[in-house]
Amino acid sequence: MSSFLKRGERQMKLKVRKEVKSRIKRVYDIMEELDDVANMIYNAGDEYNEENIAEVAGKYTDLKIEGLETLMLLGKLKTKQDHEDKLKESGAEPTTTD
Protein backbone atom coordinates (compact mmCIF):
# COMPACT_ATOMS: atom_id res chain seq x y z
CA MET A 1 0.00 0.00 0.00
CA SER A 2 1.17 3.46 -0.75
CA SER A 3 1.61 6.02 1.98
CA PHE A 4 -1.16 8.06 0.34
CA LEU A 5 -3.70 5.26 0.91
CA LYS A 6 -2.48 4.63 4.45
CA ARG A 7 -2.84 8.31 5.27
CA GLY A 8 -6.42 8.22 4.00
CA GLU A 9 -7.20 5.20 6.14
CA ARG A 10 -5.72 6.92 9.20
CA GLN A 11 -7.83 10.00 8.55
CA MET A 12 -10.99 7.90 8.23
CA LYS A 13 -10.22 6.05 11.49
CA LEU A 14 -9.61 9.37 13.25
CA LYS A 15 -12.89 10.76 11.93
CA VAL A 16 -14.80 7.68 13.16
CA ARG A 17 -13.11 7.91 16.59
CA LYS A 18 -14.12 11.56 16.92
CA GLU A 19 -17.73 10.76 15.98
CA VAL A 20 -17.91 7.93 18.52
CA LYS A 21 -16.41 10.16 21.21
CA SER A 22 -18.98 12.89 20.57
CA ARG A 23 -21.84 10.34 20.69
CA ILE A 24 -20.61 8.93 23.99
CA LYS A 25 -20.29 12.43 25.40
CA ARG A 26 -23.88 13.19 24.37
CA VAL A 27 -25.12 10.00 26.07
CA TYR A 28 -23.39 11.01 29.32
CA ASP A 29 -24.88 14.52 29.04
CA ILE A 30 -28.37 13.01 28.66
CA MET A 31 -27.81 10.71 31.64
CA GLU A 32 -26.66 13.62 33.78
CA GLU A 33 -29.68 15.69 32.77
CA LEU A 34 -32.02 12.77 33.54
CA ASP A 35 -30.43 12.46 36.97
CA ASP A 36 -31.08 16.16 37.62
CA VAL A 37 -34.68 15.81 36.42
CA ALA A 38 -35.20 12.75 38.64
CA ASN A 39 -33.93 14.74 41.64
CA MET A 40 -36.27 17.63 40.85
CA ILE A 41 -39.30 15.35 40.40
CA TYR A 42 -38.51 13.41 43.57
CA ASN A 43 -37.88 16.51 45.71
CA ALA A 44 -41.04 18.21 44.41
CA GLY A 45 -43.11 15.15 45.31
CA ASP A 46 -44.82 15.05 41.92
CA GLU A 47 -47.05 12.05 41.21
CA TYR A 48 -45.86 10.07 38.20
CA ASN A 49 -46.36 6.75 36.42
CA GLU A 50 -45.30 5.17 33.15
CA GLU A 51 -48.01 6.96 31.19
CA ASN A 52 -47.41 10.51 32.41
CA ILE A 53 -43.66 10.57 33.16
CA ALA A 54 -42.92 12.47 29.93
CA GLU A 55 -45.36 15.24 30.85
CA VAL A 56 -44.07 15.46 34.43
CA ALA A 57 -40.45 15.57 33.24
CA GLY A 58 -41.41 18.17 30.63
CA LYS A 59 -41.94 20.66 33.46
CA TYR A 60 -38.25 20.39 34.36
CA THR A 61 -36.42 19.87 31.06
CA ASP A 62 -36.58 20.51 27.34
CA LEU A 63 -35.18 17.03 26.67
CA LYS A 64 -37.52 14.80 24.66
CA ILE A 65 -38.45 11.93 26.98
CA GLU A 66 -39.21 8.79 24.97
CA GLY A 67 -38.40 5.10 25.08
CA LEU A 68 -35.04 4.59 26.72
CA GLU A 69 -35.09 7.96 28.47
CA THR A 70 -38.44 7.05 30.05
CA LEU A 71 -37.05 3.77 31.36
CA MET A 72 -33.93 5.44 32.70
CA LEU A 73 -35.90 8.16 34.44
CA LEU A 74 -38.34 5.68 36.01
CA GLY A 75 -35.39 3.56 37.15
CA LYS A 76 -33.68 6.54 38.79
CA LEU A 77 -36.88 7.52 40.57
CA LYS A 78 -37.49 3.94 41.73
CA THR A 79 -33.94 3.74 43.09
CA LYS A 80 -34.45 6.97 45.05
CA GLN A 81 -37.72 5.67 46.49
CA ASP A 82 -36.18 2.33 47.46
CA HIS A 83 -33.26 4.10 49.12
CA GLU A 84 -35.61 6.28 51.18
CA ASP A 85 -37.71 3.25 52.16
CA LYS A 86 -34.60 1.43 53.42
CA LEU A 87 -33.58 4.48 55.43
CA LYS A 88 -37.04 4.68 57.00
CA GLU A 89 -36.93 1.01 57.93
CA SER A 90 -33.55 1.41 59.61
CA GLY A 91 -34.70 4.52 61.46
CA ALA A 92 -32.26 6.87 59.74
CA GLU A 93 -33.34 10.28 58.51
CA PRO A 94 -33.75 10.46 54.69
CA THR A 95 -31.76 13.14 52.95
CA THR A 96 -32.72 15.14 49.89
CA THR A 97 -30.31 15.69 47.03
CA ASP A 98 -30.12 18.91 45.10
PDB file of N, CA and C in Angstrom:
ATOM      1  N   MET A   1       0.830  -1.179   0.000  1.00  0.00           N
ATOM      2  CA  MET A   1       0.000   0.000   0.000  1.00  0.00           C
ATOM      3  C   MET A   1       0.873   1.240   0.000  1.00  0.00           C
ATOM      4  N   SER A   2       0.424   2.214  -0.717  1.00  0.00           N
ATOM      5  CA  SER A   2       1.174   3.458  -0.750  1.00  0.00           C
ATOM      6  C   SER A   2       0.897   4.268   0.506  1.00  0.00           C
ATOM      7  N   SER A   3       1.789   5.188   0.781  1.00  0.00           N
ATOM      8  CA  SER A   3       1.609   6.019   1.980  1.00  0.00           C
ATOM      9  C   SER A   3       0.384   6.918   1.827  1.00  0.00           C
ATOM     10  N   PHE A   4       0.032   7.241   0.575  1.00  0.00           N
ATOM     11  CA  PHE A   4      -1.159   8.061   0.339  1.00  0.00           C
ATOM     12  C   PHE A   4      -2.416   7.342   0.811  1.00  0.00           C
ATOM     13  N   LEU A   5      -2.532   6.046   0.497  1.00  0.00           N
ATOM     14  CA  LEU A   5      -3.698   5.264   0.907  1.00  0.00           C
ATOM     15  C   LEU A   5      -3.725   5.051   2.420  1.00  0.00           C
ATOM     16  N   LYS A   6      -2.544   4.815   3.007  1.00  0.00           N
ATOM     17  CA  LYS A   6      -2.478   4.625   4.447  1.00  0.00           C
ATOM     18  C   LYS A   6      -2.901   5.895   5.177  1.00  0.00           C
ATOM     19  N   ARG A   7      -2.481   7.048   4.638  1.00  0.00           N
ATOM     20  CA  ARG A   7      -2.844   8.309   5.269  1.00  0.00           C
ATOM     21  C   ARG A   7      -4.358   8.509   5.212  1.00  0.00           C
ATOM     22  N   GLY A   8      -4.973   8.119   4.115  1.00  0.00           N
ATOM     23  CA  GLY A   8      -6.423   8.219   3.997  1.00  0.00           C
ATOM     24  C   GLY A   8      -7.140   7.316   4.986  1.00  0.00           C
ATOM     25  N   GLU A   9      -6.608   6.115   5.178  1.00  0.00           N
ATOM     26  CA  GLU A   9      -7.201   5.199   6.145  1.00  0.00           C
ATOM     27  C   GLU A   9      -7.079   5.754   7.560  1.00  0.00           C
ATOM     28  N   ARG A  10      -5.923   6.338   7.871  1.00  0.00           N
ATOM     29  CA  ARG A  10      -5.724   6.922   9.203  1.00  0.00           C
ATOM     30  C   ARG A  10      -6.703   8.070   9.438  1.00  0.00           C
ATOM     31  N   GLN A  11      -6.913   8.877   8.419  1.00  0.00           N
ATOM     32  CA  GLN A  11      -7.835  10.003   8.549  1.00  0.00           C
ATOM     33  C   GLN A  11      -9.267   9.513   8.762  1.00  0.00           C
ATOM     34  N   MET A  12      -9.648   8.455   8.066  1.00  0.00           N
ATOM     35  CA  MET A  12     -10.988   7.898   8.235  1.00  0.00           C
ATOM     36  C   MET A  12     -11.168   7.326   9.648  1.00  0.00           C
ATOM     37  N   LYS A  13     -10.137   6.612  10.148  1.00  0.00           N
ATOM     38  CA  LYS A  13     -10.216   6.051  11.493  1.00  0.00           C
ATOM     39  C   LYS A  13     -10.315   7.168  12.529  1.00  0.00           C
ATOM     40  N   LEU A  14      -9.565   8.235  12.333  1.00  0.00           N
ATOM     41  CA  LEU A  14      -9.610   9.367  13.254  1.00  0.00           C
ATOM     42  C   LEU A  14     -10.987  10.021  13.240  1.00  0.00           C
ATOM     43  N   LYS A  15     -11.556  10.159  12.060  1.00  0.00           N
ATOM     44  CA  LYS A  15     -12.888  10.758  11.934  1.00  0.00           C
ATOM     45  C   LYS A  15     -13.933   9.906  12.664  1.00  0.00           C
ATOM     46  N   VAL A  16     -13.859   8.588  12.502  1.00  0.00           N
ATOM     47  CA  VAL A  16     -14.796   7.684  13.163  1.00  0.00           C
ATOM     48  C   VAL A  16     -14.627   7.768  14.673  1.00  0.00           C
ATOM     49  N   ARG A  17     -13.368   7.808  15.153  1.00  0.00           N
ATOM     50  CA  ARG A  17     -13.115   7.911  16.589  1.00  0.00           C
ATOM     51  C   ARG A  17     -13.714   9.190  17.173  1.00  0.00           C
ATOM     52  N   LYS A  18     -13.572  10.290  16.450  1.00  0.00           N
ATOM     53  CA  LYS A  18     -14.122  11.560  16.921  1.00  0.00           C
ATOM     54  C   LYS A  18     -15.649  11.507  16.978  1.00  0.00           C
ATOM     55  N   GLU A  19     -16.279  10.887  15.988  1.00  0.00           N
ATOM     56  CA  GLU A  19     -17.733  10.758  15.981  1.00  0.00           C
ATOM     57  C   GLU A  19     -18.221   9.910  17.155  1.00  0.00           C
ATOM     58  N   VAL A  20     -17.531   8.807  17.417  1.00  0.00           N
ATOM     59  CA  VAL A  20     -17.909   7.928  18.524  1.00  0.00           C
ATOM     60  C   VAL A  20     -17.740   8.676  19.850  1.00  0.00           C
ATOM     61  N   LYS A  21     -16.648   9.407  19.979  1.00  0.00           N
ATOM     62  CA  LYS A  21     -16.406  10.157  21.206  1.00  0.00           C
ATOM     63  C   LYS A  21     -17.506  11.192  21.448  1.00  0.00           C
ATOM     64  N   SER A  22     -17.935  11.877  20.397  1.00  0.00           N
ATOM     65  CA  SER A  22     -18.984  12.886  20.570  1.00  0.00           C
ATOM     66  C   SER A  22     -20.325  12.228  20.911  1.00  0.00           C
ATOM     67  N   ARG A  23     -20.602  11.055  20.354  1.00  0.00           N
ATOM     68  CA  ARG A  23     -21.841  10.341  20.689  1.00  0.00           C
ATOM     69  C   ARG A  23     -21.840   9.898  22.142  1.00  0.00           C
ATOM     70  N   ILE A  24     -20.717   9.371  22.598  1.00  0.00           N
ATOM     71  CA  ILE A  24     -20.608   8.928  23.987  1.00  0.00           C
ATOM     72  C   ILE A  24     -20.769  10.112  24.928  1.00  0.00           C
ATOM     73  N   LYS A  25     -20.168  11.236  24.581  1.00  0.00           N
ATOM     74  CA  LYS A  25     -20.291  12.431  25.404  1.00  0.00           C
ATOM     75  C   LYS A  25     -21.751  12.872  25.483  1.00  0.00           C
ATOM     76  N   ARG A  26     -22.469  12.805  24.382  1.00  0.00           N
ATOM     77  CA  ARG A  26     -23.880  13.189  24.367  1.00  0.00           C
ATOM     78  C   ARG A  26     -24.716  12.252  25.250  1.00  0.00           C
ATOM     79  N   VAL A  27     -24.403  10.958  25.230  1.00  0.00           N
ATOM     80  CA  VAL A  27     -25.115  10.000  26.074  1.00  0.00           C
ATOM     81  C   VAL A  27     -24.904  10.342  27.544  1.00  0.00           C
ATOM     82  N   TYR A  28     -23.662  10.647  27.926  1.00  0.00           N
ATOM     83  CA  TYR A  28     -23.391  11.012  29.319  1.00  0.00           C
ATOM     84  C   TYR A  28     -24.085  12.315  29.693  1.00  0.00           C
ATOM     85  N   ASP A  29     -24.168  13.262  28.775  1.00  0.00           N
ATOM     86  CA  ASP A  29     -24.882  14.515  29.038  1.00  0.00           C
ATOM     87  C   ASP A  29     -26.370  14.249  29.282  1.00  0.00           C
ATOM     88  N   ILE A  30     -26.956  13.362  28.487  1.00  0.00           N
ATOM     89  CA  ILE A  30     -28.368  13.010  28.658  1.00  0.00           C
ATOM     90  C   ILE A  30     -28.582  12.322  29.999  1.00  0.00           C
ATOM     91  N   MET A  31     -27.687  11.403  30.364  1.00  0.00           N
ATOM     92  CA  MET A  31     -27.811  10.708  31.637  1.00  0.00           C
ATOM     93  C   MET A  31     -27.708  11.676  32.815  1.00  0.00           C
ATOM     94  N   GLU A  32     -26.806  12.628  32.713  1.00  0.00           N
ATOM     95  CA  GLU A  32     -26.664  13.623  33.775  1.00  0.00           C
ATOM     96  C   GLU A  32     -27.922  14.485  33.889  1.00  0.00           C
ATOM     97  N   GLU A  33     -28.469  14.883  32.745  1.00  0.00           N
ATOM     98  CA  GLU A  33     -29.681  15.685  32.767  1.00  0.00           C
ATOM     99  C   GLU A  33     -30.856  14.887  33.336  1.00  0.00           C
ATOM    100  N   LEU A  34     -30.955  13.607  32.987  1.00  0.00           N
ATOM    101  CA  LEU A  34     -32.024  12.767  33.540  1.00  0.00           C
ATOM    102  C   LEU A  34     -31.877  12.613  35.049  1.00  0.00           C
ATOM    103  N   ASP A  35     -30.645  12.543  35.534  1.00  0.00           N
ATOM    104  CA  ASP A  35     -30.425  12.456  36.969  1.00  0.00           C
ATOM    105  C   ASP A  35     -30.902  13.731  37.657  1.00  0.00           C
ATOM    106  N   ASP A  36     -30.612  14.883  37.067  1.00  0.00           N
ATOM    107  CA  ASP A  36     -31.079  16.157  37.621  1.00  0.00           C
ATOM    108  C   ASP A  36     -32.609  16.231  37.614  1.00  0.00           C
ATOM    109  N   VAL A  37     -33.216  15.793  36.526  1.00  0.00           N
ATOM    110  CA  VAL A  37     -34.682  15.808  36.419  1.00  0.00           C
ATOM    111  C   VAL A  37     -35.293  14.872  37.459  1.00  0.00           C
ATOM    112  N   ALA A  38     -34.694  13.700  37.640  1.00  0.00           N
ATOM    113  CA  ALA A  38     -35.200  12.754  38.640  1.00  0.00           C
ATOM    114  C   ALA A  38     -35.131  13.378  40.037  1.00  0.00           C
ATOM    115  N   ASN A  39     -34.043  14.067  40.341  1.00  0.00           N
ATOM    116  CA  ASN A  39     -33.929  14.735  41.635  1.00  0.00           C
ATOM    117  C   ASN A  39     -35.009  15.796  41.804  1.00  0.00           C
ATOM    118  N   MET A  40     -35.259  16.577  40.766  1.00  0.00           N
ATOM    119  CA  MET A  40     -36.268  17.629  40.852  1.00  0.00           C
ATOM    120  C   MET A  40     -37.670  17.042  41.039  1.00  0.00           C
ATOM    121  N   ILE A  41     -37.985  15.989  40.288  1.00  0.00           N
ATOM    122  CA  ILE A  41     -39.299  15.348  40.401  1.00  0.00           C
ATOM    123  C   ILE A  41     -39.466  14.754  41.799  1.00  0.00           C
ATOM    124  N   TYR A  42     -38.442  14.071  42.269  1.00  0.00           N
ATOM    125  CA  TYR A  42     -38.510  13.411  43.570  1.00  0.00           C
ATOM    126  C   TYR A  42     -38.650  14.432  44.698  1.00  0.00           C
ATOM    127  N   ASN A  43     -37.840  15.490  44.656  1.00  0.00           N
ATOM    128  CA  ASN A  43     -37.880  16.506  45.710  1.00  0.00           C
ATOM    129  C   ASN A  43     -39.182  17.303  45.697  1.00  0.00           C
ATOM    130  N   ALA A  44     -39.773  17.478  44.506  1.00  0.00           N
ATOM    131  CA  ALA A  44     -41.036  18.209  44.409  1.00  0.00           C
ATOM    132  C   ALA A  44     -42.222  17.349  44.861  1.00  0.00           C
ATOM    133  N   GLY A  45     -42.029  16.037  44.885  1.00  0.00           N
ATOM    134  CA  GLY A  45     -43.108  15.147  45.306  1.00  0.00           C
ATOM    135  C   GLY A  45     -44.188  14.972  44.256  1.00  0.00           C
ATOM    136  N   ASP A  46     -43.849  15.201  43.002  1.00  0.00           N
ATOM    137  CA  ASP A  46     -44.822  15.045  41.920  1.00  0.00           C
ATOM    138  C   ASP A  46     -45.250  13.584  41.782  1.00  0.00           C
ATOM    139  N   GLU A  47     -46.521  13.393  41.474  1.00  0.00           N
ATOM    140  CA  GLU A  47     -47.046  12.052  41.214  1.00  0.00           C
ATOM    141  C   GLU A  47     -46.728  11.696  39.756  1.00  0.00           C
ATOM    142  N   TYR A  48     -46.233  10.495  39.544  1.00  0.00           N
ATOM    143  CA  TYR A  48     -45.863  10.071  38.198  1.00  0.00           C
ATOM    144  C   TYR A  48     -46.142   8.576  38.041  1.00  0.00           C
ATOM    145  N   ASN A  49     -46.274   8.160  36.778  1.00  0.00           N
ATOM    146  CA  ASN A  49     -46.359   6.750  36.425  1.00  0.00           C
ATOM    147  C   ASN A  49     -45.805   6.607  35.011  1.00  0.00           C
ATOM    148  N   GLU A  50     -45.873   5.409  34.473  1.00  0.00           N
ATOM    149  CA  GLU A  50     -45.300   5.172  33.153  1.00  0.00           C
ATOM    150  C   GLU A  50     -45.983   5.991  32.063  1.00  0.00           C
ATOM    151  N   GLU A  51     -47.271   6.248  32.224  1.00  0.00           N
ATOM    152  CA  GLU A  51     -48.013   6.960  31.188  1.00  0.00           C
ATOM    153  C   GLU A  51     -47.744   8.463  31.187  1.00  0.00           C
ATOM    154  N   ASN A  52     -47.531   9.055  32.362  1.00  0.00           N
ATOM    155  CA  ASN A  52     -47.410  10.509  32.408  1.00  0.00           C
ATOM    156  C   ASN A  52     -46.002  11.016  32.733  1.00  0.00           C
ATOM    157  N   ILE A  53     -45.009  10.151  32.774  1.00  0.00           N
ATOM    158  CA  ILE A  53     -43.661  10.575  33.159  1.00  0.00           C
ATOM    159  C   ILE A  53     -43.092  11.610  32.186  1.00  0.00           C
ATOM    160  N   ALA A  54     -43.434  11.499  30.906  1.00  0.00           N
ATOM    161  CA  ALA A  54     -42.920  12.470  29.927  1.00  0.00           C
ATOM    162  C   ALA A  54     -43.483  13.858  30.197  1.00  0.00           C
ATOM    163  N   GLU A  55     -44.759  13.941  30.554  1.00  0.00           N
ATOM    164  CA  GLU A  55     -45.362  15.243  30.853  1.00  0.00           C
ATOM    165  C   GLU A  55     -44.800  15.832  32.138  1.00  0.00           C
ATOM    166  N   VAL A  56     -44.623  14.982  33.155  1.00  0.00           N
ATOM    167  CA  VAL A  56     -44.073  15.459  34.427  1.00  0.00           C
ATOM    168  C   VAL A  56     -42.640  15.938  34.225  1.00  0.00           C
ATOM    169  N   ALA A  57     -41.844  15.182  33.485  1.00  0.00           N
ATOM    170  CA  ALA A  57     -40.455  15.569  33.238  1.00  0.00           C
ATOM    171  C   ALA A  57     -40.383  16.809  32.353  1.00  0.00           C
ATOM    172  N   GLY A  58     -41.378  17.005  31.501  1.00  0.00           N
ATOM    173  CA  GLY A  58     -41.410  18.168  30.627  1.00  0.00           C
ATOM    174  C   GLY A  58     -41.455  19.482  31.382  1.00  0.00           C
ATOM    175  N   LYS A  59     -41.932  19.451  32.639  1.00  0.00           N
ATOM    176  CA  LYS A  59     -41.936  20.661  33.456  1.00  0.00           C
ATOM    177  C   LYS A  59     -40.530  21.085  33.861  1.00  0.00           C
ATOM    178  N   TYR A  60     -39.591  20.135  33.850  1.00  0.00           N
ATOM    179  CA  TYR A  60     -38.248  20.392  34.362  1.00  0.00           C
ATOM    180  C   TYR A  60     -37.159  20.396  33.298  1.00  0.00           C
ATOM    181  N   THR A  61     -37.463  19.943  32.097  1.00  0.00           N
ATOM    182  CA  THR A  61     -36.424  19.873  31.063  1.00  0.00           C
ATOM    183  C   THR A  61     -37.023  20.037  29.674  1.00  0.00           C
ATOM    184  N   ASP A  62     -36.178  20.434  28.740  1.00  0.00           N
ATOM    185  CA  ASP A  62     -36.577  20.514  27.338  1.00  0.00           C
ATOM    186  C   ASP A  62     -36.238  19.230  26.596  1.00  0.00           C
ATOM    187  N   LEU A  63     -35.578  18.298  27.275  1.00  0.00           N
ATOM    188  CA  LEU A  63     -35.183  17.034  26.673  1.00  0.00           C
ATOM    189  C   LEU A  63     -36.418  16.227  26.298  1.00  0.00           C
ATOM    190  N   LYS A  64     -36.400  15.632  25.117  1.00  0.00           N
ATOM    191  CA  LYS A  64     -37.516  14.803  24.665  1.00  0.00           C
ATOM    192  C   LYS A  64     -37.435  13.453  25.383  1.00  0.00           C
ATOM    193  N   ILE A  65     -38.443  13.154  26.175  1.00  0.00           N
ATOM    194  CA  ILE A  65     -38.454  11.933  26.982  1.00  0.00           C
ATOM    195  C   ILE A  65     -39.275  10.870  26.252  1.00  0.00           C
ATOM    196  N   GLU A  66     -38.572   9.902  25.687  1.00  0.00           N
ATOM    197  CA  GLU A  66     -39.212   8.790  24.967  1.00  0.00           C
ATOM    198  C   GLU A  66     -38.411   7.522  25.205  1.00  0.00           C
ATOM    199  N   GLY A  67     -39.047   6.409  25.080  1.00  0.00           N
ATOM    200  CA  GLY A  67     -38.400   5.103  25.079  1.00  0.00           C
ATOM    201  C   GLY A  67     -37.381   4.896  26.175  1.00  0.00           C
ATOM    202  N   LEU A  68     -36.120   4.878  25.794  1.00  0.00           N
ATOM    203  CA  LEU A  68     -35.037   4.589  26.722  1.00  0.00           C
ATOM    204  C   LEU A  68     -34.936   5.638  27.823  1.00  0.00           C
ATOM    205  N   GLU A  69     -35.149   6.906  27.462  1.00  0.00           N
ATOM    206  CA  GLU A  69     -35.091   7.963  28.471  1.00  0.00           C
ATOM    207  C   GLU A  69     -36.171   7.757  29.536  1.00  0.00           C
ATOM    208  N   THR A  70     -37.360   7.317  29.117  1.00  0.00           N
ATOM    209  CA  THR A  70     -38.444   7.048  30.053  1.00  0.00           C
ATOM    210  C   THR A  70     -38.039   5.952  31.030  1.00  0.00           C
ATOM    211  N   LEU A  71     -37.475   4.877  30.509  1.00  0.00           N
ATOM    212  CA  LEU A  71     -37.051   3.772  31.365  1.00  0.00           C
ATOM    213  C   LEU A  71     -35.955   4.200  32.328  1.00  0.00           C
ATOM    214  N   MET A  72     -35.009   4.978  31.834  1.00  0.00           N
ATOM    215  CA  MET A  72     -33.927   5.439  32.703  1.00  0.00           C
ATOM    216  C   MET A  72     -34.452   6.337  33.807  1.00  0.00           C
ATOM    217  N   LEU A  73     -35.346   7.241  33.462  1.00  0.00           N
ATOM    218  CA  LEU A  73     -35.904   8.161  34.443  1.00  0.00           C
ATOM    219  C   LEU A  73     -36.728   7.421  35.490  1.00  0.00           C
ATOM    220  N   LEU A  74     -37.554   6.479  35.059  1.00  0.00           N
ATOM    221  CA  LEU A  74     -38.336   5.682  36.010  1.00  0.00           C
ATOM    222  C   LEU A  74     -37.423   4.858  36.917  1.00  0.00           C
ATOM    223  N   GLY A  75     -36.350   4.328  36.353  1.00  0.00           N
ATOM    224  CA  GLY A  75     -35.395   3.564  37.148  1.00  0.00           C
ATOM    225  C   GLY A  75     -34.709   4.417  38.198  1.00  0.00           C
ATOM    226  N   LYS A  76     -34.310   5.625  37.827  1.00  0.00           N
ATOM    227  CA  LYS A  76     -33.676   6.538  38.786  1.00  0.00           C
ATOM    228  C   LYS A  76     -34.644   6.907  39.909  1.00  0.00           C
ATOM    229  N   LEU A  77     -35.883   7.174  39.557  1.00  0.00           N
ATOM    230  CA  LEU A  77     -36.882   7.520  40.568  1.00  0.00           C
ATOM    231  C   LEU A  77     -37.175   6.336  41.491  1.00  0.00           C
ATOM    232  N   LYS A  78     -37.250   5.139  40.934  1.00  0.00           N
ATOM    233  CA  LYS A  78     -37.491   3.937  41.728  1.00  0.00           C
ATOM    234  C   LYS A  78     -36.332   3.699  42.697  1.00  0.00           C
ATOM    235  N   THR A  79     -35.116   3.910  42.242  1.00  0.00           N
ATOM    236  CA  THR A  79     -33.943   3.745  43.093  1.00  0.00           C
ATOM    237  C   THR A  79     -33.974   4.722  44.258  1.00  0.00           C
ATOM    238  N   LYS A  80     -34.347   5.969  43.983  1.00  0.00           N
ATOM    239  CA  LYS A  80     -34.447   6.966  45.047  1.00  0.00           C
ATOM    240  C   LYS A  80     -35.509   6.569  46.066  1.00  0.00           C
ATOM    241  N   GLN A  81     -36.647   6.089  45.592  1.00  0.00           N
ATOM    242  CA  GLN A  81     -37.723   5.674  46.491  1.00  0.00           C
ATOM    243  C   GLN A  81     -37.293   4.488  47.335  1.00  0.00           C
ATOM    244  N   ASP A  82     -36.641   3.496  46.719  1.00  0.00           N
ATOM    245  CA  ASP A  82     -36.177   2.330  47.455  1.00  0.00           C
ATOM    246  C   ASP A  82     -35.162   2.721  48.525  1.00  0.00           C
ATOM    247  N   HIS A  83     -34.270   3.650  48.176  1.00  0.00           N
ATOM    248  CA  HIS A  83     -33.257   4.103  49.120  1.00  0.00           C
ATOM    249  C   HIS A  83     -33.910   4.781  50.322  1.00  0.00           C
ATOM    250  N   GLU A  84     -34.903   5.611  50.077  1.00  0.00           N
ATOM    251  CA  GLU A  84     -35.608   6.277  51.176  1.00  0.00           C
ATOM    252  C   GLU A  84     -36.360   5.270  52.031  1.00  0.00           C
ATOM    253  N   ASP A  85     -36.984   4.281  51.406  1.00  0.00           N
ATOM    254  CA  ASP A  85     -37.708   3.253  52.159  1.00  0.00           C
ATOM    255  C   ASP A  85     -36.770   2.475  53.077  1.00  0.00           C
ATOM    256  N   LYS A  86     -35.572   2.148  52.593  1.00  0.00           N
ATOM    257  CA  LYS A  86     -34.599   1.431  53.421  1.00  0.00           C
ATOM    258  C   LYS A  86     -34.151   2.288  54.591  1.00  0.00           C
ATOM    259  N   LEU A  87     -33.976   3.587  54.340  1.00  0.00           N
ATOM    260  CA  LEU A  87     -33.579   4.478  55.426  1.00  0.00           C
ATOM    261  C   LEU A  87     -34.673   4.581  56.479  1.00  0.00           C
ATOM    262  N   LYS A  88     -35.935   4.617  56.052  1.00  0.00           N
ATOM    263  CA  LYS A  88     -37.042   4.685  57.000  1.00  0.00           C
ATOM    264  C   LYS A  88     -37.125   3.422  57.841  1.00  0.00           C
ATOM    265  N   GLU A  89     -36.886   2.272  57.210  1.00  0.00           N
ATOM    266  CA  GLU A  89     -36.927   1.006  57.926  1.00  0.00           C
ATOM    267  C   GLU A  89     -35.838   0.938  58.988  1.00  0.00           C
ATOM    268  N   SER A  90     -34.667   1.474  58.668  1.00  0.00           N
ATOM    269  CA  SER A  90     -33.550   1.410  59.606  1.00  0.00           C
ATOM    270  C   SER A  90     -33.623   2.512  60.663  1.00  0.00           C
ATOM    271  N   GLY A  91     -34.541   3.464  60.484  1.00  0.00           N
ATOM    272  CA  GLY A  91     -34.699   4.524  61.464  1.00  0.00           C
ATOM    273  C   GLY A  91     -33.852   5.746  61.175  1.00  0.00           C
ATOM    274  N   ALA A  92     -33.093   5.723  60.100  1.00  0.00           N
ATOM    275  CA  ALA A  92     -32.258   6.869  59.743  1.00  0.00           C
ATOM    276  C   ALA A  92     -33.107   7.937  59.076  1.00  0.00           C
ATOM    277  N   GLU A  93     -32.630   9.154  59.098  1.00  0.00           N
ATOM    278  CA  GLU A  93     -33.344  10.279  58.512  1.00  0.00           C
ATOM    279  C   GLU A  93     -33.026  10.363  57.018  1.00  0.00           C
ATOM    280  N   PRO A  94     -34.032  10.347  56.130  1.00  0.00           N
ATOM    281  CA  PRO A  94     -33.753  10.459  54.690  1.00  0.00           C
ATOM    282  C   PRO A  94     -33.211  11.842  54.357  1.00  0.00           C
ATOM    283  N   THR A  95     -32.329  11.872  53.396  1.00  0.00           N
ATOM    284  CA  THR A  95     -31.757  13.143  52.950  1.00  0.00           C
ATOM    285  C   THR A  95     -32.243  13.447  51.560  1.00  0.00           C
ATOM    286  N   THR A  96     -32.336  14.727  51.239  1.00  0.00           N
ATOM    287  CA  THR A  96     -32.725  15.139  49.891  1.00  0.00           C
ATOM    288  C   THR A  96     -31.474  15.558  49.153  1.00  0.00           C
ATOM    289  N   THR A  97     -31.445  15.285  47.858  1.00  0.00           N
ATOM    290  CA  THR A  97     -30.308  15.688  47.029  1.00  0.00           C
ATOM    291  C   THR A  97     -30.733  16.817  46.130  1.00  0.00           C
ATOM    292  N   ASP A  98     -29.849  17.766  45.984  1.00  0.00           N
ATOM    293  CA  ASP A  98     -30.122  18.908  45.104  1.00  0.00           C
ATOM    294  C   ASP A  98     -29.244  18.875  43.895  1.00  0.00           C
TER     295      ASP A  98
END
